[in-house]
Amino acid sequence: MSTATGRALAAVMERVAVTAAEVGHRFPLYADPADGRWTTTGRGSWTGGFWAGLLWLRARYTGAESDRLAAAACTARLAPWAGADTATRGLIFWYGTAAAGDDAEAAAIRARAAGACLAACDPDLGILPWGDALGGPRLLARVDAVPGTVPLLAGAGPGGPAAAASHLHRHLDLCLGRSGGTDDDASAWFRPALRFETDTARWRPCADPPPGWSRGRAWLLLAVADAMLRPAGAAGDPARLADAAALLLTGGALLTGPPVPPADTAFPDGPRDTSAAAITAVALLKLARTPGPRAEQYALRGAEILDRLIGSHLTGGGGGRPAGMLLDGCYDAAARSAVRHELVWGDFFLALGLAALHGLVDITRV
């Protein structure tokens, strides 16, 4: 690992400690780029698992019992979400516990969430529906319902691997424009979200998020990479997953485009999204661990993205803000909400990528 990467990991881990002292028992969501002060939530919403995951990564980094206890306590505060009707339980409970290693309480919370998700799967639609716990229509298929959910379901016991494969492949059908059960332009290659209309029994693409949503492409690539690393649990069709990864990489210019993409590729001069870049970097590091002739290219591109993030978007301290902030994350470009901010999930995936390069975690298991 390079000296620069080591310094960046140290800064990000110190930022976790500073954040923990600021937010207490609340969950950080996004921080002001001017002074680093966090906007927080009381229950964590869909991002709570990334804060728990950051605390687990810090516990691994320091080896301190106090940090392990802080991570365990934060994870325990996520438990009420296990029974909530939301497919974002994959984001909450996989990323909130995967870095916990053999911690028994974290494993038990993950198991409860996995069982609840399996029970909520809709066999007719072939997915775990988006749900209504966060508002909006329940019968949605969204790309951010796939990462985390696939390994979570795959570990849910009998029936889990089949449900995980169904959930993943049905989303690939819908989101990559390969299903005949939709009412839209068949030439569209990427649809981040679709709504199921019960009166027509068809899926209709949603206007929001837009097709150019860069974080959506990153989320789906991450889910595909995780499935390719767990062929017995969720792949179903490894060759199809490899094709899906190739389509996402080429169609989204993830290998050849700017390391930090626009939040919406339809507006190349609009806000960029470092969180999309960090997710993509982790997905590429995972893909580099799968069999295939392009593993070295994936590893190099993943490292290139991480280098750009720490070289151009990570604060070094001074100027009234702390070191270790990953700036230029875009929470919601359309709503002009937190468009150049530090985002808790951006921090998590940057930390995860750096920790993997450092040998602190096994990227194939987190």
Protein backbone atom coordinates (compact mmCIF):
# COMPACT_ATOMS: atom_id res chain seq x y z
CA MET A 1 0.00 0.00 0.00
CA SER A 2 1.34 3.46 -0.89
CA THR A 3 2.23 6.05 1.74
CA ALA A 4 -0.53 8.31 0.38
CA THR A 5 -3.10 5.55 0.70
CA GLY A 6 -1.98 4.79 4.24
CA ARG A 7 -2.27 8.46 5.23
CA ALA A 8 -5.70 8.66 3.66
CA LEU A 9 -6.93 5.60 5.55
CA ALA A 10 -5.61 7.07 8.80
CA ALA A 11 -7.39 10.36 8.10
CA VAL A 12 -10.68 8.66 7.27
CA MET A 13 -10.48 6.53 10.42
CA GLU A 14 -9.77 9.62 12.52
CA ARG A 15 -12.74 11.32 10.87
CA VAL A 16 -14.90 8.43 12.09
CA ALA A 17 -13.80 9.16 15.66
CA VAL A 18 -14.54 12.88 15.25
CA THR A 19 -17.96 12.09 13.79
CA ALA A 20 -18.79 9.67 16.61
CA ALA A 21 -18.06 12.34 19.18
CA GLU A 22 -20.28 14.82 17.34
CA VAL A 23 -23.34 12.67 16.60
CA GLY A 24 -23.57 10.60 19.78
CA HIS A 25 -26.43 8.10 19.49
CA ARG A 26 -27.73 9.64 16.27
CA PHE A 27 -26.74 8.58 12.75
CA PRO A 28 -24.78 10.86 10.39
CA LEU A 29 -26.28 11.42 6.94
CA TYR A 30 -24.36 14.21 5.20
CA ALA A 31 -21.93 16.89 6.35
CA ASP A 32 -21.53 20.51 5.29
CA PRO A 33 -18.44 20.91 3.09
CA ALA A 34 -17.58 24.23 4.77
CA ASP A 35 -17.27 23.07 8.37
CA GLY A 36 -17.91 19.31 8.45
CA ARG A 37 -20.99 19.52 10.67
CA TRP A 38 -23.33 16.60 10.15
CA THR A 39 -27.02 16.48 9.39
CA THR A 40 -28.21 13.44 11.35
CA THR A 41 -31.16 11.10 11.70
CA GLY A 42 -32.53 9.53 14.85
CA ARG A 43 -33.07 6.00 13.53
CA GLY A 44 -30.59 5.80 10.68
CA SER A 45 -32.99 5.49 7.73
CA TRP A 46 -31.49 3.56 4.79
CA THR A 47 -27.99 4.87 5.53
CA GLY A 48 -27.64 3.69 9.13
CA GLY A 49 -25.78 0.53 8.24
CA PHE A 50 -22.98 2.51 6.62
CA TRP A 51 -22.31 4.33 9.89
CA ALA A 52 -22.24 1.04 11.78
CA GLY A 53 -19.97 -0.35 9.06
CA LEU A 54 -17.58 2.58 9.43
CA LEU A 55 -17.42 1.96 13.16
CA TRP A 56 -16.62 -1.71 12.56
CA LEU A 57 -13.87 -0.73 10.12
CA ARG A 58 -12.43 1.63 12.72
CA ALA A 59 -12.53 -1.15 15.32
CA ARG A 60 -10.53 -3.36 12.95
CA TYR A 61 -8.12 -0.52 12.26
CA THR A 62 -7.40 0.35 15.90
CA GLY A 63 -7.96 -3.01 17.54
CA ALA A 64 -9.36 -1.13 20.53
CA GLU A 65 -12.08 -2.78 22.61
CA SER A 66 -13.77 0.58 23.10
CA ASP A 67 -14.14 0.92 19.33
CA ARG A 68 -15.55 -2.60 19.04
CA LEU A 69 -18.10 -1.83 21.74
CA ALA A 70 -19.10 1.40 19.98
CA ALA A 71 -19.63 -0.49 16.71
CA ALA A 72 -21.65 -3.20 18.45
CA ALA A 73 -23.85 -0.63 20.20
CA CYS A 74 -24.54 1.19 16.94
CA THR A 75 -25.43 -2.07 15.20
CA ALA A 76 -27.84 -2.93 17.99
CA ARG A 77 -29.63 0.39 17.41
CA LEU A 78 -30.40 -0.78 13.87
CA ALA A 79 -32.41 -3.79 15.10
CA PRO A 80 -35.86 -2.14 14.75
CA TRP A 81 -35.32 -1.93 10.99
CA ALA A 82 -35.28 -5.74 10.72
CA GLY A 83 -39.07 -5.84 10.58
CA ALA A 84 -39.54 -2.70 8.49
CA ASP A 85 -41.07 -3.08 5.05
CA THR A 86 -38.12 -1.93 2.97
CA ALA A 87 -35.70 -3.60 0.60
CA THR A 88 -33.05 -1.20 1.86
CA ARG A 89 -32.62 -3.68 4.69
CA GLY A 90 -29.91 -5.07 2.45
CA LEU A 91 -28.00 -1.80 2.67
CA ILE A 92 -28.71 -1.50 6.39
CA PHE A 93 -27.95 -4.98 7.63
CA TRP A 94 -25.36 -6.31 5.22
CA TYR A 95 -23.05 -3.30 5.28
CA GLY A 96 -23.82 -2.67 8.93
CA THR A 97 -22.60 -6.14 9.95
CA ALA A 98 -20.33 -7.64 7.26
CA ALA A 99 -17.20 -5.97 8.67
CA ALA A 100 -18.05 -7.21 12.18
CA GLY A 101 -16.29 -10.51 11.59
CA ASP A 102 -17.30 -13.16 14.08
CA ASP A 103 -19.22 -10.84 16.41
CA ALA A 104 -22.12 -13.01 17.54
CA GLU A 105 -24.59 -10.20 18.23
CA ALA A 106 -24.05 -8.62 14.82
CA ALA A 107 -24.50 -12.02 13.19
CA ALA A 108 -27.75 -12.56 15.11
CA ILE A 109 -29.14 -9.18 14.02
CA ARG A 110 -28.19 -9.93 10.41
CA ALA A 111 -29.87 -13.33 10.61
CA ARG A 112 -33.12 -11.82 11.92
CA ALA A 113 -33.14 -9.26 9.12
CA ALA A 114 -32.37 -11.93 6.52
CA GLY A 115 -35.24 -14.11 7.71
CA ALA A 116 -37.65 -11.17 7.64
CA CYS A 117 -36.56 -10.25 4.11
CA LEU A 118 -37.01 -13.83 2.93
CA ALA A 119 -40.53 -13.92 4.39
CA ALA A 120 -41.37 -10.65 2.59
CA CYS A 121 -40.26 -11.82 -0.87
CA ASP A 122 -43.03 -11.84 -3.49
CA PRO A 123 -42.76 -15.11 -5.46
CA ASP A 124 -45.03 -13.84 -8.23
CA LEU A 125 -42.93 -10.74 -8.87
CA GLY A 126 -39.70 -12.61 -8.17
CA ILE A 127 -38.31 -9.89 -5.91
CA LEU A 128 -38.28 -8.47 -2.43
CA PRO A 129 -40.40 -5.37 -3.16
CA TRP A 130 -39.04 -1.94 -2.35
CA GLY A 131 -41.62 -1.58 0.43
CA ASP A 132 -43.38 1.42 1.93
CA ALA A 133 -41.42 2.03 5.13
CA LEU A 134 -39.64 5.01 3.58
CA GLY A 135 -42.74 6.34 1.81
CA GLY A 136 -43.94 6.06 -1.77
CA PRO A 137 -45.42 3.07 -3.60
CA ARG A 138 -44.53 -0.35 -2.26
CA LEU A 139 -44.29 -2.34 -5.50
CA LEU A 140 -41.08 -0.91 -6.89
CA ALA A 141 -37.98 -2.54 -8.32
CA ARG A 142 -34.98 -0.24 -7.69
CA VAL A 143 -31.29 -0.77 -8.22
CA ASP A 144 -30.51 0.28 -4.63
CA ALA A 145 -32.70 -2.60 -3.44
CA VAL A 146 -30.15 -5.09 -4.79
CA PRO A 147 -26.70 -4.50 -3.18
CA GLY A 148 -26.53 -6.03 0.25
CA THR A 149 -29.94 -7.67 -0.23
CA VAL A 150 -28.49 -10.44 -2.39
CA PRO A 151 -25.90 -11.70 0.15
CA LEU A 152 -28.38 -11.07 2.96
CA LEU A 153 -31.01 -13.28 1.34
CA ALA A 154 -28.43 -15.86 0.29
CA GLY A 155 -27.60 -16.43 3.95
CA ALA A 156 -31.22 -16.70 5.08
CA GLY A 157 -31.30 -20.49 5.28
CA PRO A 158 -33.41 -22.86 3.14
CA GLY A 159 -34.95 -20.96 0.28
CA GLY A 160 -32.58 -18.04 0.74
CA PRO A 161 -30.18 -18.69 -2.15
CA ALA A 162 -33.05 -19.19 -4.60
CA ALA A 163 -34.72 -15.99 -3.42
CA ALA A 164 -31.43 -14.10 -3.71
CA ALA A 165 -30.89 -15.31 -7.28
CA SER A 166 -34.47 -14.48 -8.25
CA HIS A 167 -34.24 -11.01 -6.71
CA LEU A 168 -30.99 -10.26 -8.51
CA HIS A 169 -31.88 -11.63 -11.92
CA ARG A 170 -35.34 -10.09 -11.98
CA HIS A 171 -33.78 -6.71 -11.27
CA LEU A 172 -31.29 -7.31 -14.07
CA ASP A 173 -34.20 -8.11 -16.39
CA LEU A 174 -35.98 -4.91 -15.48
CA CYS A 175 -33.20 -2.42 -14.84
CA LEU A 176 -31.07 -3.39 -17.83
CA GLY A 177 -33.99 -3.27 -20.24
CA ARG A 178 -34.14 -6.97 -21.04
CA SER A 179 -37.71 -7.72 -19.98
CA GLY A 180 -40.77 -7.71 -22.18
CA GLY A 181 -43.03 -6.90 -19.24
CA THR A 182 -42.51 -3.14 -19.37
CA ASP A 183 -44.34 -0.26 -21.03
CA ASP A 184 -41.46 1.85 -22.27
CA ASP A 185 -38.93 2.36 -25.02
CA ALA A 186 -37.19 -0.98 -25.42
CA SER A 187 -34.01 0.80 -26.51
CA ALA A 188 -33.40 2.20 -23.03
CA TRP A 189 -30.55 0.19 -21.56
CA PHE A 190 -30.70 1.35 -17.93
CA ARG A 191 -33.72 1.97 -15.72
CA PRO A 192 -32.92 2.68 -12.07
CA ALA A 193 -36.49 2.23 -10.84
CA LEU A 194 -39.71 0.68 -12.11
CA ARG A 195 -43.21 0.59 -10.63
CA PHE A 196 -45.47 -2.46 -10.90
CA GLU A 197 -49.01 -1.56 -11.98
CA THR A 198 -51.42 -4.12 -10.62
CA ASP A 199 -54.22 -3.23 -13.05
CA THR A 200 -52.09 -4.02 -16.11
CA ALA A 201 -49.65 -6.43 -14.42
CA ARG A 202 -46.81 -4.58 -16.09
CA TRP A 203 -43.73 -2.69 -14.96
CA ARG A 204 -43.46 0.99 -15.85
CA PRO A 205 -40.17 2.94 -15.50
CA CYS A 206 -40.17 5.78 -12.98
CA ALA A 207 -38.97 9.26 -13.84
CA ASP A 208 -37.00 9.48 -10.59
CA PRO A 209 -34.21 8.48 -10.27
CA PRO A 210 -33.35 9.33 -13.90
CA PRO A 211 -31.63 6.89 -16.29
CA GLY A 212 -28.39 8.86 -15.97
CA TRP A 213 -28.16 8.39 -12.19
CA SER A 214 -24.52 7.38 -11.79
CA ARG A 215 -24.96 6.01 -8.27
CA GLY A 216 -27.63 3.65 -9.59
CA ARG A 217 -25.22 2.07 -12.05
CA ALA A 218 -22.63 1.76 -9.32
CA TRP A 219 -25.13 0.09 -6.95
CA LEU A 220 -26.10 -2.51 -9.55
CA LEU A 221 -22.47 -3.22 -10.49
CA LEU A 222 -21.69 -3.77 -6.81
CA ALA A 223 -24.57 -6.25 -6.48
CA VAL A 224 -23.41 -8.15 -9.55
CA ALA A 225 -19.83 -8.28 -8.27
CA ASP A 226 -20.96 -9.64 -4.91
CA ALA A 227 -23.01 -12.34 -6.61
CA MET A 228 -20.09 -13.34 -8.80
CA LEU A 229 -18.01 -13.82 -5.66
CA ARG A 230 -20.68 -16.11 -4.17
CA PRO A 231 -21.62 -18.41 -7.05
CA ALA A 232 -23.17 -21.04 -4.80
CA GLY A 233 -25.38 -18.52 -3.06
CA ALA A 234 -26.81 -16.12 -5.61
CA ALA A 235 -25.24 -16.25 -9.04
CA GLY A 236 -27.76 -18.54 -10.71
CA ASP A 237 -26.14 -17.90 -14.09
CA PRO A 238 -22.49 -16.77 -13.82
CA ALA A 239 -22.17 -16.10 -17.55
CA ARG A 240 -25.19 -13.80 -17.44
CA LEU A 241 -23.73 -11.94 -14.50
CA ALA A 242 -20.47 -11.44 -16.39
CA ASP A 243 -22.47 -10.03 -19.31
CA ALA A 244 -24.36 -7.70 -16.97
CA ALA A 245 -21.10 -6.47 -15.45
CA ALA A 246 -19.70 -5.83 -18.93
CA LEU A 247 -22.81 -3.89 -19.95
CA LEU A 248 -22.70 -1.72 -16.84
CA LEU A 249 -18.99 -1.06 -17.29
CA THR A 250 -19.20 -0.18 -20.97
CA GLY A 251 -22.62 1.48 -21.07
CA GLY A 252 -21.77 3.58 -18.04
CA ALA A 253 -18.20 4.28 -19.20
CA LEU A 254 -17.05 3.13 -15.78
CA LEU A 255 -13.67 1.99 -17.10
CA THR A 256 -12.99 4.84 -19.49
CA GLY A 257 -14.94 7.85 -18.22
CA PRO A 258 -13.91 10.32 -15.55
CA PRO A 259 -12.99 8.61 -12.27
CA VAL A 260 -15.59 10.76 -10.49
CA PRO A 261 -18.73 10.83 -12.64
CA PRO A 262 -21.50 13.43 -12.82
CA ALA A 263 -24.35 12.64 -10.45
CA ASP A 264 -26.55 12.49 -13.56
CA THR A 265 -24.70 11.63 -16.76
CA ALA A 266 -27.32 13.56 -18.74
CA PHE A 267 -25.83 16.71 -17.20
CA PRO A 268 -22.05 16.33 -17.54
CA ASP A 269 -21.44 19.83 -16.23
CA GLY A 270 -23.64 19.33 -13.17
CA PRO A 271 -22.67 18.13 -9.69
CA ARG A 272 -20.32 15.17 -9.49
CA ASP A 273 -20.77 12.28 -7.09
CA THR A 274 -17.77 10.93 -5.24
CA SER A 275 -19.99 8.38 -3.51
CA ALA A 276 -20.79 6.80 -6.89
CA ALA A 277 -17.05 6.69 -7.59
CA ALA A 278 -16.29 5.05 -4.23
CA ILE A 279 -18.99 2.39 -4.75
CA THR A 280 -17.64 1.71 -8.25
CA ALA A 281 -14.08 1.39 -6.93
CA VAL A 282 -15.16 -1.25 -4.40
CA ALA A 283 -17.16 -3.10 -7.07
CA LEU A 284 -14.09 -3.15 -9.33
CA LEU A 285 -11.86 -4.44 -6.54
CA LYS A 286 -14.38 -7.24 -6.05
CA LEU A 287 -14.56 -7.98 -9.80
CA ALA A 288 -10.78 -8.17 -9.82
CA ARG A 289 -11.10 -11.19 -7.51
CA THR A 290 -13.37 -13.10 -9.92
CA PRO A 291 -12.02 -15.35 -12.69
CA GLY A 292 -11.54 -13.67 -16.05
CA PRO A 293 -9.04 -11.99 -18.35
CA ARG A 294 -9.77 -8.43 -17.20
CA ALA A 295 -9.05 -8.86 -13.49
CA GLU A 296 -5.89 -6.75 -13.64
CA GLN A 297 -7.68 -3.98 -15.52
CA TYR A 298 -10.43 -3.93 -12.89
CA ALA A 299 -7.91 -3.76 -10.06
CA LEU A 300 -5.97 -0.92 -11.71
CA ARG A 301 -9.13 1.08 -12.43
CA GLY A 302 -10.39 0.58 -8.88
CA ALA A 303 -7.07 1.83 -7.51
CA GLU A 304 -7.09 4.76 -9.96
CA ILE A 305 -10.51 5.87 -8.72
CA LEU A 306 -9.41 5.63 -5.09
CA ASP A 307 -6.28 7.64 -5.89
CA ARG A 308 -8.40 10.36 -7.48
CA LEU A 309 -10.73 10.47 -4.50
CA ILE A 310 -7.95 10.83 -1.94
CA GLY A 311 -5.89 13.17 -4.13
CA SER A 312 -8.63 15.58 -5.19
CA HIS A 313 -11.64 15.22 -2.89
CA LEU A 314 -10.39 14.26 0.58
CA THR A 315 -9.81 17.10 3.04
CA GLY A 316 -6.44 17.46 4.69
CA GLY A 317 -7.57 19.55 7.63
CA GLY A 318 -7.37 23.28 8.10
CA GLY A 319 -9.70 25.97 6.84
CA GLY A 320 -12.21 25.31 9.58
CA ARG A 321 -13.00 21.73 8.65
CA PRO A 322 -11.59 18.38 9.79
CA ALA A 323 -9.33 16.08 7.81
CA GLY A 324 -10.66 12.89 6.25
CA MET A 325 -13.88 14.29 4.73
CA LEU A 326 -14.74 12.88 1.31
CA LEU A 327 -16.29 15.93 -0.36
CA ASP A 328 -18.29 16.36 -3.58
CA GLY A 329 -20.83 13.66 -2.87
CA CYS A 330 -24.27 14.37 -4.29
CA TYR A 331 -27.24 13.29 -2.18
CA ASP A 332 -29.98 14.39 -4.62
CA ALA A 333 -29.12 16.40 -7.72
CA ALA A 334 -32.70 16.91 -8.89
CA ALA A 335 -33.74 18.38 -5.54
CA ARG A 336 -30.46 20.31 -5.19
CA SER A 337 -30.04 18.67 -1.81
CA ALA A 338 -26.50 18.26 -0.40
CA VAL A 339 -24.85 18.32 -3.83
CA ARG A 340 -21.21 18.85 -2.77
CA HIS A 341 -21.25 17.25 0.64
CA GLU A 342 -19.63 14.51 2.61
CA LEU A 343 -21.98 11.50 2.53
CA VAL A 344 -21.82 8.72 5.09
CA TRP A 345 -22.03 5.97 2.48
CA GLY A 346 -19.33 7.66 0.39
CA ASP A 347 -17.10 7.61 3.47
CA PHE A 348 -17.92 3.95 4.03
CA PHE A 349 -17.02 2.76 0.56
CA LEU A 350 -13.87 4.87 0.46
CA ALA A 351 -12.85 3.40 3.80
CA LEU A 352 -13.70 -0.11 2.63
CA GLY A 353 -11.66 0.26 -0.55
CA LEU A 354 -8.66 1.65 1.33
CA ALA A 355 -8.99 -1.01 4.04
CA ALA A 356 -8.99 -3.71 1.35
CA LEU A 357 -5.82 -2.31 -0.23
CA HIS A 358 -4.27 -2.22 3.25
CA GLY A 359 -5.21 -5.88 3.90
CA LEU A 360 -7.45 -4.87 6.79
CA VAL A 361 -10.51 -6.61 5.31
CA ASP A 362 -11.17 -9.36 2.79
CA ILE A 363 -12.99 -7.51 0.03
CA THR A 364 -14.68 -10.72 -1.08
CA ARG A 365 -16.55 -10.98 2.23
CA VAL A 366 -17.58 -7.38 3.00
